[in-house]
Amino acid sequence: MGGVIVDGSLDDGHISDAMLTAYLDAVDTVMEHDYATATTAEQLFIQEHVAAMNNLALAVDILGEATSILMTATSVAEIAMEADTAPEQVALQAMLATDEYSIDEVEVATYNGAIDSVEGYSQQAGAFMAAANNTNLTNSIDSYAAQNNIIIGNYTSLTYTQNIDEFVITWDDYGNATGWNGYLTDEMKEADDIYGAATYIMQHGSLANSEG
């Protein structure tokens, strides 16, 4: 069909000085913030949820870049397979010989690693938020901390293992490491549940619209 885009069509895509300033201000705010030490299990889990969400955002960016590289290379390869004239084949063969349109083991490893990171951080973020909202779990942790004179926010590590549904919190300064398991059994989601929710949100704006 053809056609010519008008001047300035992509001006809205430019990053303005104001946008850059707002970004730098946000970075400074995060870097300078004195995050309070959690005094309850709920606060602890919410802080861990926020951290996991930040890591998830970075992982999604890496996955997006890795996916773009693979899609570009595979789409050209598919076109090359269907090329039925000599000029087409020669042009496409030349493209496939360049780094931009080829795939190597490093790029595959980057993509697979990004997939694993997105899954891992998604799992952590969901588990920590579910834990923060589970009063049976948070009350148990709060009680344990009180009985052992532990400041909850002075923990050394917090892990969650999905296949046994167990949180383990370590407080090295107090010589304690304790696990809580079985609290999120009813909160497990399969990939189909996640994709279904994502599709609904894209179509209707939020899951809240499904209620009523």
C-alpha atoms as a PDB file:
ATOM      1  CA  MET A   1       0.000   0.000   0.000  1.00  0.00           C
ATOM      2  CA  GLY A   2       2.594   2.633   0.882  1.00  0.00           C
ATOM      3  CA  GLY A   3       2.339   6.034   2.530  1.00  0.00           C
ATOM      4  CA  VAL A   4       4.488   8.609   4.250  1.00  0.00           C
ATOM      5  CA  ILE A   5       4.423   9.352   7.957  1.00  0.00           C
ATOM      6  CA  VAL A   6       4.211  13.041   8.766  1.00  0.00           C
ATOM      7  CA  ASP A   7       6.949  14.984  10.532  1.00  0.00           C
ATOM      8  CA  GLY A   8       6.811  14.703  14.292  1.00  0.00           C
ATOM      9  CA  SER A   9       4.782  11.491  14.335  1.00  0.00           C
ATOM     10  CA  LEU A  10       7.012   9.985  16.999  1.00  0.00           C
ATOM     11  CA  ASP A  11       7.676  13.142  19.014  1.00  0.00           C
ATOM     12  CA  ASP A  12       5.544  11.797  21.872  1.00  0.00           C
ATOM     13  CA  GLY A  13       8.078   9.024  22.271  1.00  0.00           C
ATOM     14  CA  HIS A  14      10.881  11.425  23.187  1.00  0.00           C
ATOM     15  CA  ILE A  15      12.114  11.515  26.774  1.00  0.00           C
ATOM     16  CA  SER A  16      11.787  15.092  27.987  1.00  0.00           C
ATOM     17  CA  ASP A  17      14.016  16.878  30.489  1.00  0.00           C
ATOM     18  CA  ALA A  18      11.102  16.863  32.920  1.00  0.00           C
ATOM     19  CA  MET A  19      10.697  13.099  32.589  1.00  0.00           C
ATOM     20  CA  LEU A  20      14.437  12.555  33.162  1.00  0.00           C
ATOM     21  CA  THR A  21      14.379  14.833  36.196  1.00  0.00           C
ATOM     22  CA  ALA A  22      11.385  12.971  37.648  1.00  0.00           C
ATOM     23  CA  TYR A  23      13.189   9.666  37.157  1.00  0.00           C
ATOM     24  CA  LEU A  24      16.382  10.888  38.815  1.00  0.00           C
ATOM     25  CA  ASP A  25      14.378  12.322  41.721  1.00  0.00           C
ATOM     26  CA  ALA A  26      12.657   8.964  42.196  1.00  0.00           C
ATOM     27  CA  VAL A  27      16.016   7.167  42.208  1.00  0.00           C
ATOM     28  CA  ASP A  28      17.399   9.608  44.783  1.00  0.00           C
ATOM     29  CA  THR A  29      14.336   9.090  46.981  1.00  0.00           C
ATOM     30  CA  VAL A  30      14.802   5.333  46.971  1.00  0.00           C
ATOM     31  CA  MET A  31      18.554   5.511  47.556  1.00  0.00           C
ATOM     32  CA  GLU A  32      18.230   7.982  50.450  1.00  0.00           C
ATOM     33  CA  HIS A  33      15.230   6.413  52.157  1.00  0.00           C
ATOM     34  CA  ASP A  34      15.880   5.037  55.628  1.00  0.00           C
ATOM     35  CA  TYR A  35      13.787   1.899  55.553  1.00  0.00           C
ATOM     36  CA  ALA A  36      12.330   1.118  58.954  1.00  0.00           C
ATOM     37  CA  THR A  37      13.133  -2.168  60.657  1.00  0.00           C
ATOM     38  CA  ALA A  38      10.071  -4.404  60.600  1.00  0.00           C
ATOM     39  CA  THR A  39       8.546  -4.976  64.032  1.00  0.00           C
ATOM     40  CA  THR A  40       5.870  -7.429  62.911  1.00  0.00           C
ATOM     41  CA  ALA A  41       5.772 -10.379  60.532  1.00  0.00           C
ATOM     42  CA  GLU A  42       3.245  -8.559  58.359  1.00  0.00           C
ATOM     43  CA  GLN A  43       5.651  -5.648  57.887  1.00  0.00           C
ATOM     44  CA  LEU A  44       8.493  -8.054  57.153  1.00  0.00           C
ATOM     45  CA  PHE A  45       6.565  -9.882  54.441  1.00  0.00           C
ATOM     46  CA  ILE A  46       5.369  -6.635  52.834  1.00  0.00           C
ATOM     47  CA  GLN A  47       8.936  -5.322  52.654  1.00  0.00           C
ATOM     48  CA  GLU A  48      10.083  -8.582  51.079  1.00  0.00           C
ATOM     49  CA  HIS A  49       7.170  -8.429  48.636  1.00  0.00           C
ATOM     50  CA  VAL A  50       8.199  -4.943  47.495  1.00  0.00           C
ATOM     51  CA  ALA A  51      11.809  -6.065  47.035  1.00  0.00           C
ATOM     52  CA  ALA A  52      10.700  -9.096  45.003  1.00  0.00           C
ATOM     53  CA  MET A  53       8.477  -6.892  42.809  1.00  0.00           C
ATOM     54  CA  ASN A  54      11.415  -4.570  42.098  1.00  0.00           C
ATOM     55  CA  ASN A  55      13.554  -7.560  41.106  1.00  0.00           C
ATOM     56  CA  LEU A  56      10.680  -8.892  39.008  1.00  0.00           C
ATOM     57  CA  ALA A  57      10.455  -5.630  37.057  1.00  0.00           C
ATOM     58  CA  LEU A  58      14.158  -5.871  36.189  1.00  0.00           C
ATOM     59  CA  ALA A  59      13.804  -9.536  35.237  1.00  0.00           C
ATOM     60  CA  VAL A  60      10.864  -8.743  32.947  1.00  0.00           C
ATOM     61  CA  ASP A  61      12.949  -6.080  31.182  1.00  0.00           C
ATOM     62  CA  ILE A  62      15.740  -8.602  30.582  1.00  0.00           C
ATOM     63  CA  LEU A  63      13.212 -11.167  29.355  1.00  0.00           C
ATOM     64  CA  GLY A  64      11.711  -8.616  26.971  1.00  0.00           C
ATOM     65  CA  GLU A  65      15.102  -7.882  25.431  1.00  0.00           C
ATOM     66  CA  ALA A  66      15.983 -11.582  25.173  1.00  0.00           C
ATOM     67  CA  THR A  67      12.599 -12.382  23.620  1.00  0.00           C
ATOM     68  CA  SER A  68      13.002  -9.621  21.042  1.00  0.00           C
ATOM     69  CA  ILE A  69      16.356 -11.037  19.934  1.00  0.00           C
ATOM     70  CA  LEU A  70      14.965 -14.561  19.552  1.00  0.00           C
ATOM     71  CA  MET A  71      11.801 -13.398  17.767  1.00  0.00           C
ATOM     72  CA  THR A  72      13.791 -11.354  15.253  1.00  0.00           C
ATOM     73  CA  ALA A  73      16.092 -14.257  14.439  1.00  0.00           C
ATOM     74  CA  THR A  74      13.378 -16.922  14.249  1.00  0.00           C
ATOM     75  CA  SER A  75      11.034 -14.765  12.159  1.00  0.00           C
ATOM     76  CA  VAL A  76      13.738 -14.186   9.546  1.00  0.00           C
ATOM     77  CA  ALA A  77      14.580 -17.900   9.557  1.00  0.00           C
ATOM     78  CA  GLU A  78      10.916 -18.741   8.931  1.00  0.00           C
ATOM     79  CA  ILE A  79      10.740 -16.270   6.051  1.00  0.00           C
ATOM     80  CA  ALA A  80      13.934 -17.724   4.596  1.00  0.00           C
ATOM     81  CA  MET A  81      12.417 -21.212   4.564  1.00  0.00           C
ATOM     82  CA  GLU A  82       9.523 -19.920   2.465  1.00  0.00           C
ATOM     83  CA  ALA A  83      11.605 -17.839   0.052  1.00  0.00           C
ATOM     84  CA  ASP A  84      11.010 -19.110  -3.488  1.00  0.00           C
ATOM     85  CA  THR A  85      13.130 -16.807  -5.642  1.00  0.00           C
ATOM     86  CA  ALA A  86      16.905 -16.537  -5.936  1.00  0.00           C
ATOM     87  CA  PRO A  87      17.063 -12.826  -4.951  1.00  0.00           C
ATOM     88  CA  GLU A  88      14.972 -13.507  -1.846  1.00  0.00           C
ATOM     89  CA  GLN A  89      17.128 -16.458  -0.831  1.00  0.00           C
ATOM     90  CA  VAL A  90      20.390 -14.572  -1.348  1.00  0.00           C
ATOM     91  CA  ALA A  91      19.181 -11.551   0.650  1.00  0.00           C
ATOM     92  CA  LEU A  92      17.871 -13.649   3.504  1.00  0.00           C
ATOM     93  CA  GLN A  93      20.959 -15.860   3.609  1.00  0.00           C
ATOM     94  CA  ALA A  94      23.056 -12.716   3.987  1.00  0.00           C
ATOM     95  CA  MET A  95      20.848 -11.521   6.845  1.00  0.00           C
ATOM     96  CA  LEU A  96      21.038 -14.857   8.644  1.00  0.00           C
ATOM     97  CA  ALA A  97      24.824 -14.732   8.450  1.00  0.00           C
ATOM     98  CA  THR A  98      24.908 -11.586  10.634  1.00  0.00           C
ATOM     99  CA  ASP A  99      24.871 -11.546  14.451  1.00  0.00           C
ATOM    100  CA  GLU A 100      21.634  -9.552  14.547  1.00  0.00           C
ATOM    101  CA  TYR A 101      19.654 -12.307  12.852  1.00  0.00           C
ATOM    102  CA  SER A 102      21.330 -15.379  14.313  1.00  0.00           C
ATOM    103  CA  ILE A 103      20.986 -17.144  17.650  1.00  0.00           C
ATOM    104  CA  ASP A 104      23.821 -18.544  19.713  1.00  0.00           C
ATOM    105  CA  GLU A 105      24.038 -20.512  22.953  1.00  0.00           C
ATOM    106  CA  VAL A 106      24.653 -17.395  25.035  1.00  0.00           C
ATOM    107  CA  GLU A 107      21.438 -15.753  23.820  1.00  0.00           C
ATOM    108  CA  VAL A 108      19.468 -18.939  24.483  1.00  0.00           C
ATOM    109  CA  ALA A 109      20.954 -19.170  27.975  1.00  0.00           C
ATOM    110  CA  THR A 110      20.090 -15.513  28.638  1.00  0.00           C
ATOM    111  CA  TYR A 111      16.496 -16.114  27.558  1.00  0.00           C
ATOM    112  CA  ASN A 112      16.120 -19.283  29.648  1.00  0.00           C
ATOM    113  CA  GLY A 113      17.696 -17.568  32.636  1.00  0.00           C
ATOM    114  CA  ALA A 114      15.316 -14.642  32.290  1.00  0.00           C
ATOM    115  CA  ILE A 115      12.330 -16.999  32.206  1.00  0.00           C
ATOM    116  CA  ASP A 116      13.548 -18.659  35.410  1.00  0.00           C
ATOM    117  CA  SER A 117      14.121 -15.288  37.097  1.00  0.00           C
ATOM    118  CA  VAL A 118      10.628 -14.053  36.229  1.00  0.00           C
ATOM    119  CA  GLU A 119       9.138 -17.253  37.631  1.00  0.00           C
ATOM    120  CA  GLY A 120      11.259 -17.083  40.779  1.00  0.00           C
ATOM    121  CA  TYR A 121      10.589 -13.446  41.612  1.00  0.00           C
ATOM    122  CA  SER A 122       6.897 -13.810  40.734  1.00  0.00           C
ATOM    123  CA  GLN A 123       6.683 -16.754  43.101  1.00  0.00           C
ATOM    124  CA  GLN A 124       8.427 -14.847  45.879  1.00  0.00           C
ATOM    125  CA  ALA A 125       6.338 -11.718  45.435  1.00  0.00           C
ATOM    126  CA  GLY A 126       3.095 -13.698  45.516  1.00  0.00           C
ATOM    127  CA  ALA A 127       4.167 -15.804  48.470  1.00  0.00           C
ATOM    128  CA  PHE A 128       5.262 -12.828  50.556  1.00  0.00           C
ATOM    129  CA  MET A 129       2.041 -10.907  49.914  1.00  0.00           C
ATOM    130  CA  ALA A 130      -0.081 -13.969  50.656  1.00  0.00           C
ATOM    131  CA  ALA A 131       1.921 -14.461  53.846  1.00  0.00           C
ATOM    132  CA  ALA A 132       1.418 -10.846  54.893  1.00  0.00           C
ATOM    133  CA  ASN A 133      -2.339 -11.361  54.576  1.00  0.00           C
ATOM    134  CA  ASN A 134      -2.351 -14.675  56.465  1.00  0.00           C
ATOM    135  CA  THR A 135      -3.021 -13.771  60.092  1.00  0.00           C
ATOM    136  CA  ASN A 136      -2.474 -17.337  61.305  1.00  0.00           C
ATOM    137  CA  LEU A 137       1.052 -17.253  59.919  1.00  0.00           C
ATOM    138  CA  THR A 138       1.920 -13.706  60.992  1.00  0.00           C
ATOM    139  CA  ASN A 139       0.504 -14.269  64.497  1.00  0.00           C
ATOM    140  CA  SER A 140       2.602 -17.423  64.850  1.00  0.00           C
ATOM    141  CA  ILE A 141       5.786 -15.622  63.817  1.00  0.00           C
ATOM    142  CA  ASP A 142       5.020 -12.628  66.033  1.00  0.00           C
ATOM    143  CA  SER A 143       4.433 -14.962  68.974  1.00  0.00           C
ATOM    144  CA  TYR A 144       7.677 -16.856  68.332  1.00  0.00           C
ATOM    145  CA  ALA A 145       9.640 -13.603  68.139  1.00  0.00           C
ATOM    146  CA  ALA A 146       8.127 -12.289  71.363  1.00  0.00           C
ATOM    147  CA  GLN A 147       8.836 -15.519  73.245  1.00  0.00           C
ATOM    148  CA  ASN A 148      12.481 -15.480  72.154  1.00  0.00           C
ATOM    149  CA  ASN A 149      13.044 -11.711  72.532  1.00  0.00           C
ATOM    150  CA  ILE A 150      13.690 -11.335  68.802  1.00  0.00           C
ATOM    151  CA  ILE A 151      13.275  -8.142  66.792  1.00  0.00           C
ATOM    152  CA  ILE A 152      11.667  -9.509  63.646  1.00  0.00           C
ATOM    153  CA  GLY A 153      13.294  -6.996  61.303  1.00  0.00           C
ATOM    154  CA  ASN A 154      16.794  -8.017  62.425  1.00  0.00           C
ATOM    155  CA  TYR A 155      16.558 -11.197  60.376  1.00  0.00           C
ATOM    156  CA  THR A 156      19.490 -12.452  58.307  1.00  0.00           C
ATOM    157  CA  SER A 157      17.522 -14.273  55.626  1.00  0.00           C
ATOM    158  CA  LEU A 158      13.993 -15.205  54.619  1.00  0.00           C
ATOM    159  CA  THR A 159      13.334 -17.977  52.110  1.00  0.00           C
ATOM    160  CA  TYR A 160      10.245 -19.621  50.703  1.00  0.00           C
ATOM    161  CA  THR A 161      10.245 -23.105  49.170  1.00  0.00           C
ATOM    162  CA  GLN A 162       7.093 -23.669  47.137  1.00  0.00           C
ATOM    163  CA  ASN A 163       7.151 -27.447  46.750  1.00  0.00           C
ATOM    164  CA  ILE A 164       6.988 -27.905  50.532  1.00  0.00           C
ATOM    165  CA  ASP A 165       5.183 -24.617  51.203  1.00  0.00           C
ATOM    166  CA  GLU A 166       7.688 -23.517  53.818  1.00  0.00           C
ATOM    167  CA  PHE A 167       9.048 -20.178  54.995  1.00  0.00           C
ATOM    168  CA  VAL A 168      12.365 -20.229  56.859  1.00  0.00           C
ATOM    169  CA  ILE A 169      13.498 -17.143  58.740  1.00  0.00           C
ATOM    170  CA  THR A 170      17.024 -16.931  60.123  1.00  0.00           C
ATOM    171  CA  TRP A 171      18.144 -14.538  62.841  1.00  0.00           C
ATOM    172  CA  ASP A 172      21.913 -15.060  63.106  1.00  0.00           C
ATOM    173  CA  ASP A 173      22.322 -12.471  65.858  1.00  0.00           C
ATOM    174  CA  TYR A 174      19.966 -14.492  68.053  1.00  0.00           C
ATOM    175  CA  GLY A 175      21.131 -17.929  66.951  1.00  0.00           C
ATOM    176  CA  ASN A 176      17.658 -18.800  65.637  1.00  0.00           C
ATOM    177  CA  ALA A 177      16.403 -20.301  62.390  1.00  0.00           C
ATOM    178  CA  THR A 178      12.810 -21.495  62.265  1.00  0.00           C
ATOM    179  CA  GLY A 179      10.420 -22.714  59.592  1.00  0.00           C
ATOM    180  CA  TRP A 180       6.682 -22.351  59.099  1.00  0.00           C
ATOM    181  CA  ASN A 181       5.023 -24.599  56.547  1.00  0.00           C
ATOM    182  CA  GLY A 182       1.577 -25.422  55.199  1.00  0.00           C
ATOM    183  CA  TYR A 183       0.098 -21.939  55.492  1.00  0.00           C
ATOM    184  CA  LEU A 184      -0.299 -21.183  51.768  1.00  0.00           C
ATOM    185  CA  THR A 185      -1.655 -24.515  50.539  1.00  0.00           C
ATOM    186  CA  ASP A 186      -4.859 -22.885  49.294  1.00  0.00           C
ATOM    187  CA  GLU A 187      -2.984 -20.039  47.579  1.00  0.00           C
ATOM    188  CA  MET A 188      -1.178 -22.057  44.882  1.00  0.00           C
ATOM    189  CA  LYS A 189      -1.711 -20.962  41.268  1.00  0.00           C
ATOM    190  CA  GLU A 190      -0.998 -22.837  38.062  1.00  0.00           C
ATOM    191  CA  ALA A 191       0.246 -21.158  34.872  1.00  0.00           C
ATOM    192  CA  ASP A 192      -3.272 -21.336  33.365  1.00  0.00           C
ATOM    193  CA  ASP A 193      -4.636 -19.347  36.324  1.00  0.00           C
ATOM    194  CA  ILE A 194      -2.023 -16.628  35.812  1.00  0.00           C
ATOM    195  CA  TYR A 195      -2.493 -16.411  32.049  1.00  0.00           C
ATOM    196  CA  GLY A 196      -6.268 -16.354  32.486  1.00  0.00           C
ATOM    197  CA  ALA A 197      -6.089 -13.522  35.005  1.00  0.00           C
ATOM    198  CA  ALA A 198      -3.675 -11.562  32.806  1.00  0.00           C
ATOM    199  CA  THR A 199      -5.953 -11.954  29.775  1.00  0.00           C
ATOM    200  CA  TYR A 200      -8.999 -10.829  31.761  1.00  0.00           C
ATOM    201  CA  ILE A 201      -7.176  -7.761  33.093  1.00  0.00           C
ATOM    202  CA  MET A 202      -6.030  -6.802  29.574  1.00  0.00           C
ATOM    203  CA  GLN A 203      -9.626  -7.049  28.336  1.00  0.00           C
ATOM    204  CA  HIS A 204     -11.492  -5.511  31.267  1.00  0.00           C
ATOM    205  CA  GLY A 205      -8.987  -3.408  33.193  1.00  0.00           C
ATOM    206  CA  SER A 206      -8.996  -5.313  36.487  1.00  0.00           C
ATOM    207  CA  LEU A 207     -10.181  -8.488  38.171  1.00  0.00           C
ATOM    208  CA  ALA A 208     -12.577  -6.378  40.238  1.00  0.00           C
ATOM    209  CA  ASN A 209     -14.788  -6.103  37.151  1.00  0.00           C
ATOM    210  CA  SER A 210     -15.449  -9.844  37.343  1.00  0.00           C
ATOM    211  CA  GLU A 211     -17.168  -9.466  40.705  1.00  0.00           C
ATOM    212  CA  GLY A 212     -20.765  -8.652  41.228  1.00  0.00           C
END
